[in-house]
Amino acid sequence: MNPDFADYHLFTAADMPQIETVLIETEDPLGPFGAKGVGEMGGTPTAAAIANAIYDAVGVRLTTLPMTPERVIQALDRANERGKGSKSKRVKAGSDEQEDILDRTLKKRLPTGN
């Protein structure tokens, strides 16, 4: 859980592999002047990927946006009440122990560098 992006490594263009772009020109009768969208699909899987990362890290599944730290804590509280807390060890949500587990998990999974 990063409260901000001060220590979070954001990927840049230098981190991208070489991509060959191939344009196929066709007209879309539903688009303005026959135009089609190009970049919208890149954002489609983002929320699902974040939800899966949260599940892998703390063992609870979030299904609503935005996935804030507060919602993660609430989901952990609900899971602990049902007896389905974190995958490896049940800890009280919001406790120092839980914060330590989150910190260790994120440090293992987040890219390091700049």
N, C-alpha and C. Protein backbone atom coordinates (compact mmCIF):
# COMPACT_ATOMS: atom_id res chain seq x y z
N MET A 1 0.84 -1.16 0.00
CA MET A 1 0.00 0.00 0.00
C MET A 1 0.90 1.24 0.00
N ASN A 2 0.94 1.91 -1.12
CA ASN A 2 1.70 3.15 -1.21
C ASN A 2 0.74 4.31 -1.06
N PRO A 3 0.94 5.15 -0.05
CA PRO A 3 0.07 6.30 0.10
C PRO A 3 0.29 7.33 -1.01
N ASP A 4 1.44 7.28 -1.67
CA ASP A 4 1.71 8.19 -2.77
C ASP A 4 2.72 7.54 -3.71
N PHE A 5 3.09 8.25 -4.75
CA PHE A 5 4.01 7.69 -5.73
C PHE A 5 5.46 8.13 -5.51
N ALA A 6 5.78 8.64 -4.33
CA ALA A 6 7.13 9.14 -4.08
C ALA A 6 8.18 8.04 -4.23
N ASP A 7 7.88 6.83 -3.77
CA ASP A 7 8.85 5.73 -3.82
C ASP A 7 8.46 4.65 -4.82
N TYR A 8 7.43 4.88 -5.60
CA TYR A 8 6.92 3.86 -6.53
C TYR A 8 7.56 4.05 -7.89
N HIS A 9 8.12 2.99 -8.44
CA HIS A 9 8.76 3.06 -9.76
C HIS A 9 7.69 2.97 -10.83
N LEU A 10 7.54 4.03 -11.60
CA LEU A 10 6.61 4.03 -12.72
C LEU A 10 7.36 3.65 -13.99
N PHE A 11 6.76 2.80 -14.79
CA PHE A 11 7.39 2.40 -16.03
C PHE A 11 7.41 3.57 -17.01
N THR A 12 8.45 3.62 -17.81
CA THR A 12 8.58 4.67 -18.80
C THR A 12 8.72 4.05 -20.18
N ALA A 13 8.83 4.88 -21.19
CA ALA A 13 9.00 4.39 -22.56
C ALA A 13 10.26 3.55 -22.68
N ALA A 14 11.29 3.85 -21.89
CA ALA A 14 12.54 3.09 -21.95
C ALA A 14 12.34 1.64 -21.48
N ASP A 15 11.30 1.37 -20.72
CA ASP A 15 11.03 0.02 -20.23
C ASP A 15 10.23 -0.83 -21.22
N MET A 16 9.79 -0.22 -22.31
CA MET A 16 8.95 -0.93 -23.28
C MET A 16 9.79 -1.70 -24.29
N PRO A 17 9.30 -2.86 -24.72
CA PRO A 17 10.01 -3.56 -25.79
C PRO A 17 9.74 -2.88 -27.14
N GLN A 18 10.48 -3.26 -28.16
CA GLN A 18 10.24 -2.73 -29.50
C GLN A 18 8.87 -3.22 -29.98
N ILE A 19 8.11 -2.34 -30.57
CA ILE A 19 6.78 -2.66 -31.07
C ILE A 19 6.70 -2.27 -32.53
N GLU A 20 6.19 -3.17 -33.35
CA GLU A 20 5.97 -2.85 -34.75
C GLU A 20 4.50 -2.49 -34.91
N THR A 21 4.24 -1.29 -35.40
CA THR A 21 2.87 -0.83 -35.59
C THR A 21 2.45 -1.10 -37.03
N VAL A 22 1.30 -1.72 -37.18
CA VAL A 22 0.75 -1.99 -38.49
C VAL A 22 -0.62 -1.34 -38.55
N LEU A 23 -0.80 -0.39 -39.45
CA LEU A 23 -2.09 0.28 -39.60
C LEU A 23 -2.88 -0.38 -40.71
N ILE A 24 -4.11 -0.72 -40.39
CA ILE A 24 -5.02 -1.30 -41.38
C ILE A 24 -6.15 -0.30 -41.55
N GLU A 25 -6.21 0.32 -42.70
CA GLU A 25 -7.19 1.38 -42.91
C GLU A 25 -8.51 0.79 -43.41
N THR A 26 -9.53 0.95 -42.60
CA THR A 26 -10.90 0.60 -42.98
C THR A 26 -11.80 1.68 -42.42
N GLU A 27 -13.02 1.73 -42.91
CA GLU A 27 -13.96 2.72 -42.40
C GLU A 27 -14.96 2.05 -41.47
N ASP A 28 -15.26 2.72 -40.37
CA ASP A 28 -16.26 2.25 -39.42
C ASP A 28 -17.51 3.11 -39.63
N PRO A 29 -18.61 2.52 -40.09
CA PRO A 29 -19.80 3.33 -40.36
C PRO A 29 -20.39 3.96 -39.10
N LEU A 30 -20.02 3.47 -37.91
CA LEU A 30 -20.56 4.03 -36.67
C LEU A 30 -19.69 5.16 -36.12
N GLY A 31 -18.43 5.25 -36.55
CA GLY A 31 -17.54 6.28 -36.03
C GLY A 31 -17.68 7.58 -36.79
N PRO A 32 -17.26 8.69 -36.17
CA PRO A 32 -17.33 9.98 -36.86
C PRO A 32 -16.40 9.98 -38.08
N PHE A 33 -16.92 10.29 -39.23
CA PHE A 33 -16.16 10.31 -40.48
C PHE A 33 -15.49 8.96 -40.77
N GLY A 34 -16.08 7.86 -40.24
CA GLY A 34 -15.53 6.53 -40.49
C GLY A 34 -14.37 6.15 -39.59
N ALA A 35 -14.09 6.96 -38.56
CA ALA A 35 -12.94 6.72 -37.69
C ALA A 35 -13.21 5.60 -36.68
N LYS A 36 -12.11 5.00 -36.19
CA LYS A 36 -12.17 3.98 -35.15
C LYS A 36 -11.31 4.43 -33.98
N GLY A 37 -11.58 3.86 -32.82
CA GLY A 37 -10.72 4.12 -31.66
C GLY A 37 -9.43 3.34 -31.79
N VAL A 38 -8.37 3.84 -31.15
CA VAL A 38 -7.08 3.16 -31.23
C VAL A 38 -6.56 2.76 -29.86
N GLY A 39 -6.60 3.65 -28.88
CA GLY A 39 -5.92 3.40 -27.62
C GLY A 39 -6.77 2.93 -26.47
N GLU A 40 -8.07 2.80 -26.66
CA GLU A 40 -8.94 2.48 -25.53
C GLU A 40 -8.69 1.10 -24.94
N MET A 41 -8.31 0.14 -25.75
CA MET A 41 -8.18 -1.23 -25.27
C MET A 41 -7.03 -1.41 -24.28
N GLY A 42 -6.05 -0.55 -24.32
CA GLY A 42 -4.93 -0.68 -23.39
C GLY A 42 -5.32 -0.52 -21.94
N GLY A 43 -6.40 0.22 -21.66
CA GLY A 43 -6.83 0.43 -20.28
C GLY A 43 -7.83 -0.59 -19.79
N THR A 44 -8.31 -1.45 -20.66
CA THR A 44 -9.36 -2.39 -20.29
C THR A 44 -8.96 -3.34 -19.16
N PRO A 45 -7.78 -3.97 -19.20
CA PRO A 45 -7.47 -4.97 -18.17
C PRO A 45 -6.86 -4.38 -16.89
N THR A 46 -6.68 -3.08 -16.82
CA THR A 46 -5.94 -2.49 -15.71
C THR A 46 -6.59 -2.75 -14.36
N ALA A 47 -7.89 -2.49 -14.21
CA ALA A 47 -8.55 -2.68 -12.92
C ALA A 47 -8.50 -4.14 -12.49
N ALA A 48 -8.70 -5.06 -13.43
CA ALA A 48 -8.64 -6.48 -13.09
C ALA A 48 -7.24 -6.88 -12.64
N ALA A 49 -6.22 -6.33 -13.27
CA ALA A 49 -4.84 -6.65 -12.88
C ALA A 49 -4.55 -6.13 -11.48
N ILE A 50 -5.03 -4.93 -11.16
CA ILE A 50 -4.83 -4.38 -9.82
C ILE A 50 -5.58 -5.22 -8.79
N ALA A 51 -6.82 -5.61 -9.11
CA ALA A 51 -7.60 -6.44 -8.19
C ALA A 51 -6.90 -7.77 -7.93
N ASN A 52 -6.33 -8.38 -8.96
CA ASN A 52 -5.61 -9.64 -8.79
C ASN A 52 -4.34 -9.45 -7.97
N ALA A 53 -3.65 -8.33 -8.15
CA ALA A 53 -2.45 -8.06 -7.37
C ALA A 53 -2.80 -7.90 -5.89
N ILE A 54 -3.90 -7.20 -5.61
CA ILE A 54 -4.33 -7.06 -4.22
C ILE A 54 -4.68 -8.42 -3.63
N TYR A 55 -5.40 -9.24 -4.40
CA TYR A 55 -5.76 -10.58 -3.92
C TYR A 55 -4.51 -11.41 -3.65
N ASP A 56 -3.54 -11.37 -4.58
CA ASP A 56 -2.30 -12.12 -4.39
C ASP A 56 -1.53 -11.65 -3.16
N ALA A 57 -1.59 -10.35 -2.90
CA ALA A 57 -0.82 -9.78 -1.79
C ALA A 57 -1.46 -10.04 -0.43
N VAL A 58 -2.78 -9.87 -0.32
CA VAL A 58 -3.40 -9.93 1.01
C VAL A 58 -4.53 -10.94 1.14
N GLY A 59 -4.91 -11.59 0.03
CA GLY A 59 -5.89 -12.67 0.12
C GLY A 59 -7.34 -12.27 0.15
N VAL A 60 -7.66 -11.03 -0.22
CA VAL A 60 -9.07 -10.63 -0.32
C VAL A 60 -9.31 -10.08 -1.72
N ARG A 61 -10.51 -10.33 -2.22
CA ARG A 61 -10.86 -9.92 -3.58
C ARG A 61 -11.70 -8.65 -3.51
N LEU A 62 -11.25 -7.59 -4.20
CA LEU A 62 -12.03 -6.35 -4.30
C LEU A 62 -12.75 -6.35 -5.65
N THR A 63 -14.02 -5.93 -5.64
CA THR A 63 -14.81 -5.94 -6.87
C THR A 63 -15.42 -4.58 -7.19
N THR A 64 -15.05 -3.54 -6.44
CA THR A 64 -15.56 -2.20 -6.72
C THR A 64 -14.40 -1.22 -6.85
N LEU A 65 -14.62 -0.20 -7.64
CA LEU A 65 -13.61 0.83 -7.84
C LEU A 65 -14.03 2.10 -7.11
N PRO A 66 -13.11 2.91 -6.69
CA PRO A 66 -11.66 2.73 -6.73
C PRO A 66 -11.21 1.77 -5.63
N MET A 67 -10.11 1.09 -5.86
CA MET A 67 -9.56 0.15 -4.88
C MET A 67 -8.59 0.90 -3.98
N THR A 68 -9.14 1.55 -2.98
CA THR A 68 -8.35 2.39 -2.08
C THR A 68 -7.80 1.56 -0.92
N PRO A 69 -6.77 2.06 -0.24
CA PRO A 69 -6.29 1.35 0.96
C PRO A 69 -7.40 1.13 1.98
N GLU A 70 -8.30 2.10 2.11
CA GLU A 70 -9.40 1.96 3.07
C GLU A 70 -10.30 0.78 2.70
N ARG A 71 -10.57 0.61 1.42
CA ARG A 71 -11.40 -0.52 0.98
C ARG A 71 -10.70 -1.86 1.19
N VAL A 72 -9.38 -1.87 1.02
CA VAL A 72 -8.63 -3.10 1.29
C VAL A 72 -8.76 -3.45 2.77
N ILE A 73 -8.59 -2.46 3.64
CA ILE A 73 -8.72 -2.70 5.09
C ILE A 73 -10.13 -3.18 5.42
N GLN A 74 -11.15 -2.57 4.84
CA GLN A 74 -12.54 -3.00 5.09
C GLN A 74 -12.75 -4.43 4.62
N ALA A 75 -12.22 -4.77 3.45
CA ALA A 75 -12.37 -6.13 2.94
C ALA A 75 -11.66 -7.13 3.84
N LEU A 76 -10.50 -6.75 4.37
CA LEU A 76 -9.79 -7.63 5.31
C LEU A 76 -10.59 -7.81 6.59
N ASP A 77 -11.19 -6.73 7.07
CA ASP A 77 -12.05 -6.84 8.27
C ASP A 77 -13.20 -7.79 8.02
N ARG A 78 -13.88 -7.65 6.89
CA ARG A 78 -15.02 -8.54 6.57
C ARG A 78 -14.57 -9.98 6.43
N ALA A 79 -13.42 -10.19 5.79
CA ALA A 79 -12.90 -11.55 5.61
C ALA A 79 -12.54 -12.17 6.96
N ASN A 80 -11.95 -11.38 7.85
CA ASN A 80 -11.61 -11.90 9.18
C ASN A 80 -12.86 -12.24 9.98
N GLU A 81 -13.92 -11.43 9.81
CA GLU A 81 -15.18 -11.72 10.50
C GLU A 81 -15.78 -13.03 10.02
N ARG A 82 -15.60 -13.33 8.72
CA ARG A 82 -16.12 -14.58 8.15
C ARG A 82 -15.15 -15.73 8.32
N GLY A 83 -13.96 -15.44 8.85
CA GLY A 83 -12.96 -16.49 9.01
C GLY A 83 -12.20 -16.79 7.74
N LYS A 84 -12.18 -15.83 6.80
CA LYS A 84 -11.46 -16.04 5.53
C LYS A 84 -10.47 -14.90 5.32
N GLY A 85 -9.62 -14.69 6.26
CA GLY A 85 -8.68 -13.58 6.17
C GLY A 85 -7.53 -13.87 5.24
N SER A 86 -6.45 -13.23 5.47
CA SER A 86 -5.26 -13.37 4.64
C SER A 86 -4.91 -14.84 4.45
N LYS A 87 -4.41 -15.18 3.27
CA LYS A 87 -4.15 -16.58 2.92
C LYS A 87 -3.18 -17.25 3.87
N SER A 88 -2.15 -16.56 4.28
CA SER A 88 -1.12 -17.22 5.05
C SER A 88 -1.34 -17.17 6.56
N LYS A 89 -1.91 -16.09 7.05
CA LYS A 89 -2.04 -15.94 8.50
C LYS A 89 -3.15 -14.94 8.78
N ARG A 90 -4.00 -15.24 9.73
CA ARG A 90 -5.08 -14.32 10.09
C ARG A 90 -4.52 -13.26 11.05
N VAL A 91 -4.68 -12.01 10.64
CA VAL A 91 -4.24 -10.90 11.48
C VAL A 91 -5.35 -9.87 11.51
N LYS A 92 -5.36 -9.07 12.54
CA LYS A 92 -6.38 -8.03 12.65
C LYS A 92 -6.09 -6.92 11.64
N ALA A 93 -7.10 -6.61 10.83
CA ALA A 93 -6.95 -5.56 9.83
C ALA A 93 -6.65 -4.24 10.53
N GLY A 94 -5.70 -3.52 9.99
CA GLY A 94 -5.31 -2.23 10.56
C GLY A 94 -4.27 -2.34 11.67
N SER A 95 -3.90 -3.56 12.04
CA SER A 95 -2.91 -3.73 13.11
C SER A 95 -1.50 -3.48 12.58
N ASP A 96 -0.57 -3.28 13.51
CA ASP A 96 0.83 -3.10 13.12
C ASP A 96 1.34 -4.34 12.39
N GLU A 97 0.90 -5.51 12.84
CA GLU A 97 1.33 -6.75 12.20
C GLU A 97 0.87 -6.80 10.74
N GLN A 98 -0.36 -6.37 10.50
CA GLN A 98 -0.86 -6.36 9.13
C GLN A 98 -0.07 -5.37 8.27
N GLU A 99 0.21 -4.20 8.82
CA GLU A 99 1.00 -3.21 8.08
C GLU A 99 2.36 -3.78 7.72
N ASP A 100 3.00 -4.51 8.66
CA ASP A 100 4.30 -5.13 8.38
C ASP A 100 4.18 -6.15 7.25
N ILE A 101 3.13 -6.96 7.27
CA ILE A 101 2.92 -7.96 6.22
C ILE A 101 2.73 -7.28 4.87
N LEU A 102 1.91 -6.23 4.83
CA LEU A 102 1.68 -5.50 3.58
C LEU A 102 2.98 -4.89 3.06
N ASP A 103 3.74 -4.27 3.96
CA ASP A 103 5.01 -3.66 3.55
C ASP A 103 5.96 -4.69 2.96
N ARG A 104 6.11 -5.84 3.64
CA ARG A 104 7.01 -6.89 3.15
C ARG A 104 6.54 -7.43 1.81
N THR A 105 5.23 -7.64 1.68
CA THR A 105 4.68 -8.18 0.43
C THR A 105 4.91 -7.22 -0.72
N LEU A 106 4.63 -5.94 -0.50
CA LEU A 106 4.81 -4.96 -1.56
C LEU A 106 6.27 -4.81 -1.94
N LYS A 107 7.17 -4.84 -0.96
CA LYS A 107 8.59 -4.70 -1.27
C LYS A 107 9.08 -5.85 -2.13
N LYS A 108 8.51 -7.06 -1.92
CA LYS A 108 8.90 -8.21 -2.74
C LYS A 108 8.35 -8.09 -4.16
N ARG A 109 7.18 -7.49 -4.32
CA ARG A 109 6.49 -7.52 -5.62
C ARG A 109 6.70 -6.28 -6.46
N LEU A 110 7.00 -5.14 -5.85
CA LEU A 110 7.12 -3.91 -6.63
C LEU A 110 8.51 -3.82 -7.23
N PRO A 111 8.60 -3.26 -8.45
CA PRO A 111 9.92 -3.09 -9.06
C PRO A 111 10.75 -2.11 -8.24
N THR A 112 12.04 -2.36 -8.22
CA THR A 112 12.95 -1.46 -7.52
C THR A 112 13.68 -0.63 -8.54
N GLY A 113 14.31 0.39 -8.08
CA GLY A 113 15.07 1.23 -9.00
C GLY A 113 14.79 2.68 -8.75
N ASN A 114 14.94 3.45 -9.78
CA ASN A 114 14.85 4.92 -9.76
C ASN A 114 14.02 5.39 -8.61
